[in-house]
Amino acid sequence: MLFPKSKPVRATAYLRWVATLPCASCQIEGYTQAAHPNYGRGLGQKASDLDAFPLCCTRPGHMGCHVMHDQLIDCTLEQRRGLERVYTARTQAMAREAGRREFKEAA
């Protein structure tokens, strides 16, 4: 028996908001992107946008936390999974505090 795949939530406005936050890893402002966790997804599929967290991008002279996170630089796979859960929970808490409509029902 086949089970229907559930589609992950897509929320472009939420991703734009996440990208305005300081980097979850190094706290730099003005260079962040919305990063998706690598857990809770299917092959070739991103996780829900509501699980996104801010990580900084690569810029001249500096490898960004987003690339370092994705390529497991300075951490193991298990450490990355733990960080993703912490970053996601922290970002979602900030969204609730900011009154983001995506999390009003969950508050």
PDB file of N, CA and C in Angstrom:
ATOM      1  N   MET A   1       0.840  -1.176   0.000  1.00  0.00           N
ATOM      2  CA  MET A   1       0.000   0.000   0.000  1.00  0.00           C
ATOM      3  C   MET A   1       0.890   1.245   0.000  1.00  0.00           C
ATOM      4  N   LEU A   2       0.596   2.177  -0.857  1.00  0.00           N
ATOM      5  CA  LEU A   2       1.355   3.416  -0.937  1.00  0.00           C
ATOM      6  C   LEU A   2       0.703   4.490  -0.074  1.00  0.00           C
ATOM      7  N   PHE A   3       1.543   5.257   0.580  1.00  0.00           N
ATOM      8  CA  PHE A   3       1.049   6.358   1.386  1.00  0.00           C
ATOM      9  C   PHE A   3       1.268   7.656   0.628  1.00  0.00           C
ATOM     10  N   PRO A   4       0.273   8.537   0.625  1.00  0.00           N
ATOM     11  CA  PRO A   4       0.451   9.805  -0.088  1.00  0.00           C
ATOM     12  C   PRO A   4       1.511  10.662   0.600  1.00  0.00           C
ATOM     13  N   LYS A   5       2.341  11.307  -0.207  1.00  0.00           N
ATOM     14  CA  LYS A   5       3.366  12.190   0.343  1.00  0.00           C
ATOM     15  C   LYS A   5       2.713  13.497   0.779  1.00  0.00           C
ATOM     16  N   SER A   6       3.122  13.966   1.923  1.00  0.00           N
ATOM     17  CA  SER A   6       2.628  15.275   2.340  1.00  0.00           C
ATOM     18  C   SER A   6       3.592  16.332   1.795  1.00  0.00           C
ATOM     19  N   LYS A   7       3.023  17.386   1.280  1.00  0.00           N
ATOM     20  CA  LYS A   7       3.848  18.449   0.711  1.00  0.00           C
ATOM     21  C   LYS A   7       4.295  19.377   1.829  1.00  0.00           C
ATOM     22  N   PRO A   8       5.563  19.779   1.808  1.00  0.00           N
ATOM     23  CA  PRO A   8       6.036  20.707   2.833  1.00  0.00           C
ATOM     24  C   PRO A   8       5.406  22.087   2.648  1.00  0.00           C
ATOM     25  N   VAL A   9       5.252  22.810   3.742  1.00  0.00           N
ATOM     26  CA  VAL A   9       4.664  24.149   3.708  1.00  0.00           C
ATOM     27  C   VAL A   9       5.626  25.091   2.997  1.00  0.00           C
ATOM     28  N   ARG A  10       5.101  25.883   2.092  1.00  0.00           N
ATOM     29  CA  ARG A  10       5.874  26.914   1.401  1.00  0.00           C
ATOM     30  C   ARG A  10       5.345  28.267   1.856  1.00  0.00           C
ATOM     31  N   ALA A  11       6.233  29.128   2.347  1.00  0.00           N
ATOM     32  CA  ALA A  11       5.837  30.433   2.886  1.00  0.00           C
ATOM     33  C   ALA A  11       6.917  31.457   2.531  1.00  0.00           C
ATOM     34  N   THR A  12       6.815  32.034   1.346  1.00  0.00           N
ATOM     35  CA  THR A  12       7.820  32.965   0.839  1.00  0.00           C
ATOM     36  C   THR A  12       7.989  34.183   1.744  1.00  0.00           C
ATOM     37  N   ALA A  13       6.895  34.731   2.246  1.00  0.00           N
ATOM     38  CA  ALA A  13       6.983  35.907   3.122  1.00  0.00           C
ATOM     39  C   ALA A  13       7.740  35.560   4.404  1.00  0.00           C
ATOM     40  N   TYR A  14       7.520  34.375   4.925  1.00  0.00           N
ATOM     41  CA  TYR A  14       8.229  33.944   6.134  1.00  0.00           C
ATOM     42  C   TYR A  14       9.724  33.802   5.853  1.00  0.00           C
ATOM     43  N   LEU A  15      10.091  33.239   4.708  1.00  0.00           N
ATOM     44  CA  LEU A  15      11.508  33.103   4.353  1.00  0.00           C
ATOM     45  C   LEU A  15      12.172  34.472   4.240  1.00  0.00           C
ATOM     46  N   ARG A  16      11.468  35.433   3.662  1.00  0.00           N
ATOM     47  CA  ARG A  16      12.013  36.793   3.575  1.00  0.00           C
ATOM     48  C   ARG A  16      12.234  37.374   4.968  1.00  0.00           C
ATOM     49  N   TRP A  17      11.308  37.132   5.884  1.00  0.00           N
ATOM     50  CA  TRP A  17      11.451  37.614   7.256  1.00  0.00           C
ATOM     51  C   TRP A  17      12.648  36.948   7.932  1.00  0.00           C
ATOM     52  N   VAL A  18      12.782  35.634   7.786  1.00  0.00           N
ATOM     53  CA  VAL A  18      13.916  34.908   8.383  1.00  0.00           C
ATOM     54  C   VAL A  18      15.239  35.497   7.898  1.00  0.00           C
ATOM     55  N   ALA A  19      15.306  35.858   6.630  1.00  0.00           N
ATOM     56  CA  ALA A  19      16.536  36.401   6.053  1.00  0.00           C
ATOM     57  C   ALA A  19      16.889  37.783   6.611  1.00  0.00           C
ATOM     58  N   THR A  20      15.980  38.421   7.318  1.00  0.00           N
ATOM     59  CA  THR A  20      16.289  39.721   7.928  1.00  0.00           C
ATOM     60  C   THR A  20      16.913  39.576   9.315  1.00  0.00           C
ATOM     61  N   LEU A  21      16.886  38.373   9.862  1.00  0.00           N
ATOM     62  CA  LEU A  21      17.412  38.130  11.209  1.00  0.00           C
ATOM     63  C   LEU A  21      18.935  37.988  11.183  1.00  0.00           C
ATOM     64  N   PRO A  22      19.595  38.187  12.309  1.00  0.00           N
ATOM     65  CA  PRO A  22      21.037  37.933  12.368  1.00  0.00           C
ATOM     66  C   PRO A  22      21.321  36.444  12.173  1.00  0.00           C
ATOM     67  N   CYS A  23      22.509  36.127  11.708  1.00  0.00           N
ATOM     68  CA  CYS A  23      22.917  34.733  11.505  1.00  0.00           C
ATOM     69  C   CYS A  23      22.784  33.961  12.824  1.00  0.00           C
ATOM     70  N   ALA A  24      22.173  32.800  12.774  1.00  0.00           N
ATOM     71  CA  ALA A  24      21.981  31.981  13.966  1.00  0.00           C
ATOM     72  C   ALA A  24      23.296  31.448  14.511  1.00  0.00           C
ATOM     73  N   SER A  25      24.326  31.392  13.684  1.00  0.00           N
ATOM     74  CA  SER A  25      25.610  30.853  14.112  1.00  0.00           C
ATOM     75  C   SER A  25      26.572  31.936  14.585  1.00  0.00           C
ATOM     76  N   CYS A  26      26.849  32.949  13.746  1.00  0.00           N
ATOM     77  CA  CYS A  26      27.865  33.957  14.089  1.00  0.00           C
ATOM     78  C   CYS A  26      27.273  35.307  14.473  1.00  0.00           C
ATOM     79  N   GLN A  27      25.969  35.469  14.365  1.00  0.00           N
ATOM     80  CA  GLN A  27      25.228  36.676  14.749  1.00  0.00           C
ATOM     81  C   GLN A  27      25.445  37.887  13.842  1.00  0.00           C
ATOM     82  N   ILE A  28      26.156  37.743  12.716  1.00  0.00           N
ATOM     83  CA  ILE A  28      26.356  38.883  11.818  1.00  0.00           C
ATOM     84  C   ILE A  28      25.012  39.302  11.223  1.00  0.00           C
ATOM     85  N   GLU A  29      24.861  40.578  10.998  1.00  0.00           N
ATOM     86  CA  GLU A  29      23.622  41.094  10.408  1.00  0.00           C
ATOM     87  C   GLU A  29      23.879  41.588   8.992  1.00  0.00           C
ATOM     88  N   GLY A  30      22.862  41.523   8.155  1.00  0.00           N
ATOM     89  CA  GLY A  30      22.938  42.070   6.809  1.00  0.00           C
ATOM     90  C   GLY A  30      23.409  41.104   5.735  1.00  0.00           C
ATOM     91  N   TYR A  31      23.776  39.886   6.099  1.00  0.00           N
ATOM     92  CA  TYR A  31      24.265  38.914   5.117  1.00  0.00           C
ATOM     93  C   TYR A  31      23.515  37.584   5.205  1.00  0.00           C
ATOM     94  N   THR A  32      22.384  37.567   5.865  1.00  0.00           N
ATOM     95  CA  THR A  32      21.733  36.281   6.120  1.00  0.00           C
ATOM     96  C   THR A  32      20.828  35.819   4.985  1.00  0.00           C
ATOM     97  N   GLN A  33      20.649  34.517   4.965  1.00  0.00           N
ATOM     98  CA  GLN A  33      19.747  33.821   4.050  1.00  0.00           C
ATOM     99  C   GLN A  33      18.896  32.880   4.892  1.00  0.00           C
ATOM    100  N   ALA A  34      17.753  32.521   4.382  1.00  0.00           N
ATOM    101  CA  ALA A  34      16.935  31.513   5.045  1.00  0.00           C
ATOM    102  C   ALA A  34      17.481  30.136   4.668  1.00  0.00           C
ATOM    103  N   ALA A  35      17.910  29.393   5.673  1.00  0.00           N
ATOM    104  CA  ALA A  35      18.464  28.054   5.461  1.00  0.00           C
ATOM    105  C   ALA A  35      17.442  27.011   5.901  1.00  0.00           C
ATOM    106  N   HIS A  36      17.315  25.971   5.112  1.00  0.00           N
ATOM    107  CA  HIS A  36      16.412  24.878   5.466  1.00  0.00           C
ATOM    108  C   HIS A  36      17.204  23.777   6.172  1.00  0.00           C
ATOM    109  N   PRO A  37      16.610  23.146   7.176  1.00  0.00           N
ATOM    110  CA  PRO A  37      17.295  22.028   7.819  1.00  0.00           C
ATOM    111  C   PRO A  37      17.376  20.844   6.862  1.00  0.00           C
ATOM    112  N   ASN A  38      18.315  19.972   7.121  1.00  0.00           N
ATOM    113  CA  ASN A  38      18.487  18.798   6.273  1.00  0.00           C
ATOM    114  C   ASN A  38      17.769  17.573   6.825  1.00  0.00           C
ATOM    115  N   TYR A  39      17.037  17.724   7.918  1.00  0.00           N
ATOM    116  CA  TYR A  39      16.233  16.629   8.443  1.00  0.00           C
ATOM    117  C   TYR A  39      14.775  16.850   8.058  1.00  0.00           C
ATOM    118  N   GLY A  40      13.952  15.828   8.173  1.00  0.00           N
ATOM    119  CA  GLY A  40      12.521  15.971   7.946  1.00  0.00           C
ATOM    120  C   GLY A  40      12.128  16.243   6.513  1.00  0.00           C
ATOM    121  N   ARG A  41      12.876  15.686   5.596  1.00  0.00           N
ATOM    122  CA  ARG A  41      12.567  15.930   4.186  1.00  0.00           C
ATOM    123  C   ARG A  41      12.778  14.645   3.406  1.00  0.00           C
ATOM    124  N   GLY A  42      12.214  14.616   2.225  1.00  0.00           N
ATOM    125  CA  GLY A  42      12.406  13.478   1.347  1.00  0.00           C
ATOM    126  C   GLY A  42      13.545  13.732   0.378  1.00  0.00           C
ATOM    127  N   LEU A  43      13.923  12.714  -0.357  1.00  0.00           N
ATOM    128  CA  LEU A  43      14.995  12.836  -1.335  1.00  0.00           C
ATOM    129  C   LEU A  43      14.629  13.892  -2.375  1.00  0.00           C
ATOM    130  N   GLY A  44      15.524  14.832  -2.592  1.00  0.00           N
ATOM    131  CA  GLY A  44      15.287  15.889  -3.571  1.00  0.00           C
ATOM    132  C   GLY A  44      14.242  16.899  -3.149  1.00  0.00           C
ATOM    133  N   GLN A  45      13.954  16.963  -1.874  1.00  0.00           N
ATOM    134  CA  GLN A  45      12.895  17.836  -1.390  1.00  0.00           C
ATOM    135  C   GLN A  45      13.399  18.616  -0.174  1.00  0.00           C
ATOM    136  N   LYS A  46      13.076  19.897  -0.097  1.00  0.00           N
ATOM    137  CA  LYS A  46      13.450  20.703   1.055  1.00  0.00           C
ATOM    138  C   LYS A  46      12.434  20.500   2.168  1.00  0.00           C
ATOM    139  N   ALA A  47      12.875  20.788   3.371  1.00  0.00           N
ATOM    140  CA  ALA A  47      11.979  20.738   4.522  1.00  0.00           C
ATOM    141  C   ALA A  47      10.989  21.903   4.426  1.00  0.00           C
ATOM    142  N   SER A  48      10.048  21.912   5.316  1.00  0.00           N
ATOM    143  CA  SER A  48       9.053  22.986   5.361  1.00  0.00           C
ATOM    144  C   SER A  48       9.733  24.335   5.534  1.00  0.00           C
ATOM    145  N   ASP A  49       9.204  25.358   4.883  1.00  0.00           N
ATOM    146  CA  ASP A  49       9.725  26.712   5.038  1.00  0.00           C
ATOM    147  C   ASP A  49       9.593  27.193   6.487  1.00  0.00           C
ATOM    148  N   LEU A  50       8.636  26.663   7.225  1.00  0.00           N
ATOM    149  CA  LEU A  50       8.432  27.077   8.605  1.00  0.00           C
ATOM    150  C   LEU A  50       9.513  26.551   9.541  1.00  0.00           C
ATOM    151  N   ASP A  51      10.385  25.689   9.038  1.00  0.00           N
ATOM    152  CA  ASP A  51      11.522  25.186   9.811  1.00  0.00           C
ATOM    153  C   ASP A  51      12.814  25.931   9.478  1.00  0.00           C
ATOM    154  N   ALA A  52      12.748  26.926   8.602  1.00  0.00           N
ATOM    155  CA  ALA A  52      13.942  27.654   8.158  1.00  0.00           C
ATOM    156  C   ALA A  52      14.530  28.497   9.289  1.00  0.00           C
ATOM    157  N   PHE A  53      15.818  28.749   9.194  1.00  0.00           N
ATOM    158  CA  PHE A  53      16.536  29.575  10.171  1.00  0.00           C
ATOM    159  C   PHE A  53      17.575  30.408   9.419  1.00  0.00           C
ATOM    160  N   PRO A  54      18.037  31.513  10.000  1.00  0.00           N
ATOM    161  CA  PRO A  54      18.967  32.389   9.296  1.00  0.00           C
ATOM    162  C   PRO A  54      20.425  31.943   9.434  1.00  0.00           C
ATOM    163  N   LEU A  55      21.120  31.861   8.301  1.00  0.00           N
ATOM    164  CA  LEU A  55      22.565  31.640   8.278  1.00  0.00           C
ATOM    165  C   LEU A  55      23.167  32.606   7.270  1.00  0.00           C
ATOM    166  N   CYS A  56      24.379  33.076   7.524  1.00  0.00           N
ATOM    167  CA  CYS A  56      24.980  34.076   6.636  1.00  0.00           C
ATOM    168  C   CYS A  56      25.545  33.432   5.375  1.00  0.00           C
ATOM    169  N   CYS A  57      25.609  34.249   4.331  1.00  0.00           N
ATOM    170  CA  CYS A  57      26.096  33.801   3.027  1.00  0.00           C
ATOM    171  C   CYS A  57      27.602  34.049   2.909  1.00  0.00           C
ATOM    172  N   THR A  58      28.206  33.414   1.924  1.00  0.00           N
ATOM    173  CA  THR A  58      29.611  33.647   1.618  1.00  0.00           C
ATOM    174  C   THR A  58      29.751  35.042   1.023  1.00  0.00           C
ATOM    175  N   ARG A  59      30.786  35.728   1.426  1.00  0.00           N
ATOM    176  CA  ARG A  59      31.077  37.064   0.927  1.00  0.00           C
ATOM    177  C   ARG A  59      32.580  37.176   0.731  1.00  0.00           C
ATOM    178  N   PRO A  60      33.064  38.186   0.045  1.00  0.00           N
ATOM    179  CA  PRO A  60      34.499  38.271  -0.231  1.00  0.00           C
ATOM    180  C   PRO A  60      35.349  38.130   1.041  1.00  0.00           C
ATOM    181  N   GLY A  61      36.243  37.172   1.012  1.00  0.00           N
ATOM    182  CA  GLY A  61      37.152  36.952   2.128  1.00  0.00           C
ATOM    183  C   GLY A  61      36.588  36.155   3.289  1.00  0.00           C
ATOM    184  N   HIS A  62      35.351  35.669   3.182  1.00  0.00           N
ATOM    185  CA  HIS A  62      34.743  34.934   4.294  1.00  0.00           C
ATOM    186  C   HIS A  62      33.778  33.867   3.781  1.00  0.00           C
ATOM    187  N   MET A  63      34.002  32.619   4.189  1.00  0.00           N
ATOM    188  CA  MET A  63      33.053  31.552   3.858  1.00  0.00           C
ATOM    189  C   MET A  63      31.886  31.666   4.832  1.00  0.00           C
ATOM    190  N   GLY A  64      30.696  31.766   4.312  1.00  0.00           N
ATOM    191  CA  GLY A  64      29.517  31.950   5.144  1.00  0.00           C
ATOM    192  C   GLY A  64      29.136  30.715   5.944  1.00  0.00           C
ATOM    193  N   CYS A  65      28.404  30.957   7.013  1.00  0.00           N
ATOM    194  CA  CYS A  65      27.943  29.866   7.885  1.00  0.00           C
ATOM    195  C   CYS A  65      27.011  28.911   7.151  1.00  0.00           C
ATOM    196  N   HIS A  66      26.256  29.396   6.145  1.00  0.00           N
ATOM    197  CA  HIS A  66      25.348  28.538   5.390  1.00  0.00           C
ATOM    198  C   HIS A  66      26.136  27.445   4.658  1.00  0.00           C
ATOM    199  N   VAL A  67      27.191  27.831   3.971  1.00  0.00           N
ATOM    200  CA  VAL A  67      28.028  26.865   3.251  1.00  0.00           C
ATOM    201  C   VAL A  67      28.727  25.937   4.237  1.00  0.00           C
ATOM    202  N   MET A  68      29.281  26.499   5.299  1.00  0.00           N
ATOM    203  CA  MET A  68      29.980  25.683   6.297  1.00  0.00           C
ATOM    204  C   MET A  68      29.038  24.662   6.916  1.00  0.00           C
ATOM    205  N   HIS A  69      27.807  25.088   7.187  1.00  0.00           N
ATOM    206  CA  HIS A  69      26.797  24.202   7.767  1.00  0.00           C
ATOM    207  C   HIS A  69      26.454  23.062   6.803  1.00  0.00           C
ATOM    208  N   ASP A  70      26.185  23.419   5.552  1.00  0.00           N
ATOM    209  CA  ASP A  70      25.796  22.408   4.565  1.00  0.00           C
ATOM    210  C   ASP A  70      26.918  21.427   4.248  1.00  0.00           C
ATOM    211  N   GLN A  71      28.166  21.889   4.288  1.00  0.00           N
ATOM    212  CA  GLN A  71      29.303  21.037   3.929  1.00  0.00           C
ATOM    213  C   GLN A  71      29.962  20.383   5.141  1.00  0.00           C
ATOM    214  N   LEU A  72      29.347  20.505   6.306  1.00  0.00           N
ATOM    215  CA  LEU A  72      29.850  19.885   7.540  1.00  0.00           C
ATOM    216  C   LEU A  72      31.278  20.321   7.870  1.00  0.00           C
ATOM    217  N   ILE A  73      31.564  21.601   7.674  1.00  0.00           N
ATOM    218  CA  ILE A  73      32.866  22.141   8.029  1.00  0.00           C
ATOM    219  C   ILE A  73      32.816  22.520   9.506  1.00  0.00           C
ATOM    220  N   ASP A  74      33.731  22.010  10.280  1.00  0.00           N
ATOM    221  CA  ASP A  74      33.836  22.263  11.726  1.00  0.00           C
ATOM    222  C   ASP A  74      32.720  21.629  12.549  1.00  0.00           C
ATOM    223  N   CYS A  75      32.008  20.653  12.001  1.00  0.00           N
ATOM    224  CA  CYS A  75      31.031  19.915  12.802  1.00  0.00           C
ATOM    225  C   CYS A  75      30.748  18.556  12.161  1.00  0.00           C
ATOM    226  N   THR A  76      30.214  17.659  12.953  1.00  0.00           N
ATOM    227  CA  THR A  76      29.836  16.337  12.455  1.00  0.00           C
ATOM    228  C   THR A  76      28.374  16.372  12.018  1.00  0.00           C
ATOM    229  N   LEU A  77      27.931  15.308  11.378  1.00  0.00           N
ATOM    230  CA  LEU A  77      26.535  15.208  10.952  1.00  0.00           C
ATOM    231  C   LEU A  77      25.600  15.282  12.158  1.00  0.00           C
ATOM    232  N   GLU A  78      25.942  14.594  13.232  1.00  0.00           N
ATOM    233  CA  GLU A  78      25.097  14.621  14.434  1.00  0.00           C
ATOM    234  C   GLU A  78      25.062  16.012  15.055  1.00  0.00           C
ATOM    235  N   GLN A  79      26.204  16.697  15.063  1.00  0.00           N
ATOM    236  CA  GLN A  79      26.231  18.063  15.584  1.00  0.00           C
ATOM    237  C   GLN A  79      25.372  18.981  14.724  1.00  0.00           C
ATOM    238  N   ARG A  80      25.449  18.817  13.397  1.00  0.00           N
ATOM    239  CA  ARG A  80      24.638  19.643  12.504  1.00  0.00           C
ATOM    240  C   ARG A  80      23.158  19.415  12.767  1.00  0.00           C
ATOM    241  N   ARG A  81      22.763  18.179  12.924  1.00  0.00           N
ATOM    242  CA  ARG A  81      21.349  17.889  13.193  1.00  0.00           C
ATOM    243  C   ARG A  81      20.889  18.542  14.487  1.00  0.00           C
ATOM    244  N   GLY A  82      21.737  18.502  15.498  1.00  0.00           N
ATOM    245  CA  GLY A  82      21.405  19.155  16.767  1.00  0.00           C
ATOM    246  C   GLY A  82      21.294  20.658  16.612  1.00  0.00           C
ATOM    247  N   LEU A  83      22.246  21.256  15.895  1.00  0.00           N
ATOM    248  CA  LEU A  83      22.210  22.702  15.657  1.00  0.00           C
ATOM    249  C   LEU A  83      20.960  23.098  14.888  1.00  0.00           C
ATOM    250  N   GLU A  84      20.589  22.308  13.895  1.00  0.00           N
ATOM    251  CA  GLU A  84      19.395  22.621  13.106  1.00  0.00           C
ATOM    252  C   GLU A  84      18.155  22.669  13.992  1.00  0.00           C
ATOM    253  N   ARG A  85      18.044  21.735  14.915  1.00  0.00           N
ATOM    254  CA  ARG A  85      16.879  21.714  15.803  1.00  0.00           C
ATOM    255  C   ARG A  85      16.881  22.947  16.724  1.00  0.00           C
ATOM    256  N   VAL A  86      18.057  23.303  17.238  1.00  0.00           N
ATOM    257  CA  VAL A  86      18.166  24.486  18.096  1.00  0.00           C
ATOM    258  C   VAL A  86      17.855  25.754  17.304  1.00  0.00           C
ATOM    259  N   TYR A  87      18.455  25.898  16.129  1.00  0.00           N
ATOM    260  CA  TYR A  87      18.232  27.080  15.299  1.00  0.00           C
ATOM    261  C   TYR A  87      16.771  27.208  14.883  1.00  0.00           C
ATOM    262  N   THR A  88      16.153  26.089  14.514  1.00  0.00           N
ATOM    263  CA  THR A  88      14.745  26.102  14.111  1.00  0.00           C
ATOM    264  C   THR A  88      13.857  26.519  15.277  1.00  0.00           C
ATOM    265  N   ALA A  89      14.079  25.923  16.445  1.00  0.00           N
ATOM    266  CA  ALA A  89      13.267  26.253  17.620  1.00  0.00           C
ATOM    267  C   ALA A  89      13.436  27.716  18.006  1.00  0.00           C
ATOM    268  N   ARG A  90      14.664  28.212  17.975  1.00  0.00           N
ATOM    269  CA  ARG A  90      14.937  29.612  18.318  1.00  0.00           C
ATOM    270  C   ARG A  90      14.245  30.559  17.327  1.00  0.00           C
ATOM    271  N   THR A  91      14.328  30.242  16.045  1.00  0.00           N
ATOM    272  CA  THR A  91      13.716  31.094  15.017  1.00  0.00           C
ATOM    273  C   THR A  91      12.197  31.084  15.141  1.00  0.00           C
ATOM    274  N   GLN A  92      11.625  29.918  15.381  1.00  0.00           N
ATOM    275  CA  GLN A  92      10.172  29.833  15.539  1.00  0.00           C
ATOM    276  C   GLN A  92       9.706  30.585  16.783  1.00  0.00           C
ATOM    277  N   ALA A  93      10.501  30.551  17.858  1.00  0.00           N
ATOM    278  CA  ALA A  93      10.155  31.316  19.064  1.00  0.00           C
ATOM    279  C   ALA A  93      10.180  32.814  18.762  1.00  0.00           C
ATOM    280  N   MET A  94      11.169  33.258  17.998  1.00  0.00           N
ATOM    281  CA  MET A  94      11.248  34.664  17.603  1.00  0.00           C
ATOM    282  C   MET A  94      10.044  35.044  16.737  1.00  0.00           C
ATOM    283  N   ALA A  95       9.615  34.121  15.883  1.00  0.00           N
ATOM    284  CA  ALA A  95       8.454  34.374  15.016  1.00  0.00           C
ATOM    285  C   ALA A  95       7.192  34.527  15.851  1.00  0.00           C
ATOM    286  N   ARG A  96       7.046  33.683  16.858  1.00  0.00           N
ATOM    287  CA  ARG A  96       5.875  33.799  17.739  1.00  0.00           C
ATOM    288  C   ARG A  96       5.887  35.140  18.474  1.00  0.00           C
ATOM    289  N   GLU A  97       7.059  35.514  18.996  1.00  0.00           N
ATOM    290  CA  GLU A  97       7.187  36.788  19.710  1.00  0.00           C
ATOM    291  C   GLU A  97       6.901  37.972  18.788  1.00  0.00           C
ATOM    292  N   ALA A  98       7.291  37.848  17.537  1.00  0.00           N
ATOM    293  CA  ALA A  98       7.064  38.924  16.562  1.00  0.00           C
ATOM    294  C   ALA A  98       5.634  38.919  16.039  1.00  0.00           C
ATOM    295  N   GLY A  99       4.838  37.917  16.431  1.00  0.00           N
ATOM    296  CA  GLY A  99       3.445  37.850  15.993  1.00  0.00           C
ATOM    297  C   GLY A  99       3.281  37.388  14.557  1.00  0.00           C
ATOM    298  N   ARG A 100       4.257  36.631  14.053  1.00  0.00           N
ATOM    299  CA  ARG A 100       4.144  36.125  12.684  1.00  0.00           C
ATOM    300  C   ARG A 100       2.880  35.292  12.571  1.00  0.00           C
ATOM    301  N   ARG A 101       2.086  35.562  11.555  1.00  0.00           N
ATOM    302  CA  ARG A 101       0.796  34.858  11.402  1.00  0.00           C
ATOM    303  C   ARG A 101       0.976  33.363  11.221  1.00  0.00           C
ATOM    304  N   GLU A 102       2.122  32.920  10.693  1.00  0.00           N
ATOM    305  CA  GLU A 102       2.352  31.485  10.489  1.00  0.00           C
ATOM    306  C   GLU A 102       2.347  30.722  11.806  1.00  0.00           C
ATOM    307  N   PHE A 103       2.604  31.432  12.935  1.00  0.00           N
ATOM    308  CA  PHE A 103       2.717  30.751  14.222  1.00  0.00           C
ATOM    309  C   PHE A 103       1.693  31.227  15.250  1.00  0.00           C
ATOM    310  N   LYS A 104       0.734  32.026  14.847  1.00  0.00           N
ATOM    311  CA  LYS A 104      -0.271  32.503  15.799  1.00  0.00           C
ATOM    312  C   LYS A 104      -1.101  31.359  16.362  1.00  0.00           C
ATOM    313  N   GLU A 105      -1.434  30.397  15.525  1.00  0.00           N
ATOM    314  CA  GLU A 105      -2.250  29.277  15.986  1.00  0.00           C
ATOM    315  C   GLU A 105      -1.474  28.370  16.927  1.00  0.00           C
ATOM    316  N   ALA A 106      -0.140  28.298  16.735  1.00  0.00           N
ATOM    317  CA  ALA A 106       0.683  27.402  17.548  1.00  0.00           C
ATOM    318  C   ALA A 106       1.061  28.027  18.888  1.00  0.00           C
ATOM    319  N   ALA A 107       0.834  29.311  19.049  1.00  0.00           N
ATOM    320  CA  ALA A 107       1.257  29.996  20.296  1.00  0.00           C
ATOM    321  C   ALA A 107       0.381  29.630  21.469  1.00  0.00           C
TER     322      ALA A 107
END
